[in-house]
Amino acid sequence: MIHEKVFRDPIHDLIPFDRGRPEDQLLLALIDTREVQRLRRIKQLGMAHMAYQGAEHSRFAHSIGVLHLTRRMTNRLERDRPAQDPLAVLATWCAGLLHDVGHGPFSHVMEQFFAEQHEAWTHHIIRDEDTEAHALLHDYDPELPGLVSETLKGNTSPAWLSSVVNSQMDADRFDYLLRDAHMTGVKYGVFDLERLLLLLRVSEGGERVVVSYKGLMPVEKYLQSRYQMYRQVYFHKTVTAAEAMLMLLLRRARDLVSEGAVVTTEVESALQRLLSDGTVSVEDYLSLDDSVLFSAMVHWTHHGDPVLRDLSHRLLTRGLFKSVEIEAEEGLDILFDSRIMAARGILERHGLDFNYYLGFSKSADTPYRPYSPRDAQSTIWIHDQGGELVDVKDLSPTVRAFTESPYTIYRAFFPATAPGGTSIRRELEETLTG
């Protein structure tokens, strides 16, 4: 009997499973659950396909990649320090696979709009007794759903296991940087994964994953890759413009629902309930994916409301707003900045409601967070040549520069023309940057 099941992956090549092993049987069954298969219908990079036409890959493909790396990392690290508890290791593998099941349509856009992080939904789904994933985990071992959830929160025994799926250098980040770089066609996210995996170690006390002193340069390259991917891909002005427009579209839909309108094809649809009060059951949440919102946009292009109709048409045909970077002091309420107030006046003068035709984004990142007593687990520790553990920033001027270079990019988004075709782009650009 042939026991092998193989996934062919563009990043990791062949990802094998052994159907003769109970652990692999569980993982394969989890992959086939409704909750994981739903991730095929959620783009990994949200609206990034508007800037990078190849960015059509799904969170499903990413989740399979994270599972693969989680297994490789734990297998490598157990050579140094066996975890002793096979169930804890299996929980870590399951956590790698299930870490993204809580993502909603267009991922981070939905998080911002409804102000609930996908991590919270992931825990709801894993612990909900009515989900297929929970049932499989519980049938394997009643403790497993709780162990998987706690692993994702960073609570494991031994402690180093949580670092594999929850740290500044974990299987999740390793996979999405390489995968996103490959699928977008850029080279910024390329780093030496194989060298890094080879040089991973478990600290003497078993508390955390560390890197051999020979791994300093690969770690530097990895952090440089992360920095460049955020600046050049994730925070790309076209990507953030599309995301801001989607936020404005959802705002308009929610405002219409609050006025008593039905904006979906079904009065009692999950999307209608979500727009109505922002709360849905796990069952409702799992019925939402990118296709639901795309379908709604197509429906809205024929809606009686001109704003809903216009914004939907723009997003479906890539008629995106223009953008401009705004200088702003940290802590400033940008919505009441004099430049913004003036821009609102211009839009209103041309018959455009600023509530739906003036969007904003705040893109912020710290390329590397140095050691903190409250988050020592997340620090990237390097063995120096004397065998002591040292924060990577204390060995590398490059990484030290990253810790001192957090950045925030504020952008405003607006249409280039007013109804009737009058150009308002230059006037708005000068107003917003002046």
Foldseek 3Di string as FASTA:
>chain_A
DQQWDWDAAPQPGTQIAGNVDPLSVLVVQLCPFLLLVLQQQAFPQQQLCLVFVLSRGTVSSLLSQQLSQLVLLLVLAVVQPNLPDVLLSSLLSVLSNQVQSQAFASRVLLCVLLVPHSLVLSLCQLPPPPGPNVVSQCVVPVCSSVSNNVLCVQDGRVSASSLQPDALDHSSLLRVLSVVCVRSVHDLSDADPVVQSNQWYADPVRNHIAGEQVCLVRVLSNLRSVVCCLVPRSVPPLSVQLSQLVSLLLVVVLVVVCVPDQQDPDNPQLSSVCSPPNDDDSVRRSVGYNVRVLVSLVSQCPDPDPLNNVSSVCSVVVVTFDKDWFDDDPPDPVCPPPLNVVLCVVCVVLPHHCSRFKGKDKRKDQSAAWDDPVPNRRFHWYQHPVRDTDGSLVVDVSVVVSNVDIDIIMMMTGHQAGPVGHGCNVVSNVSRHD
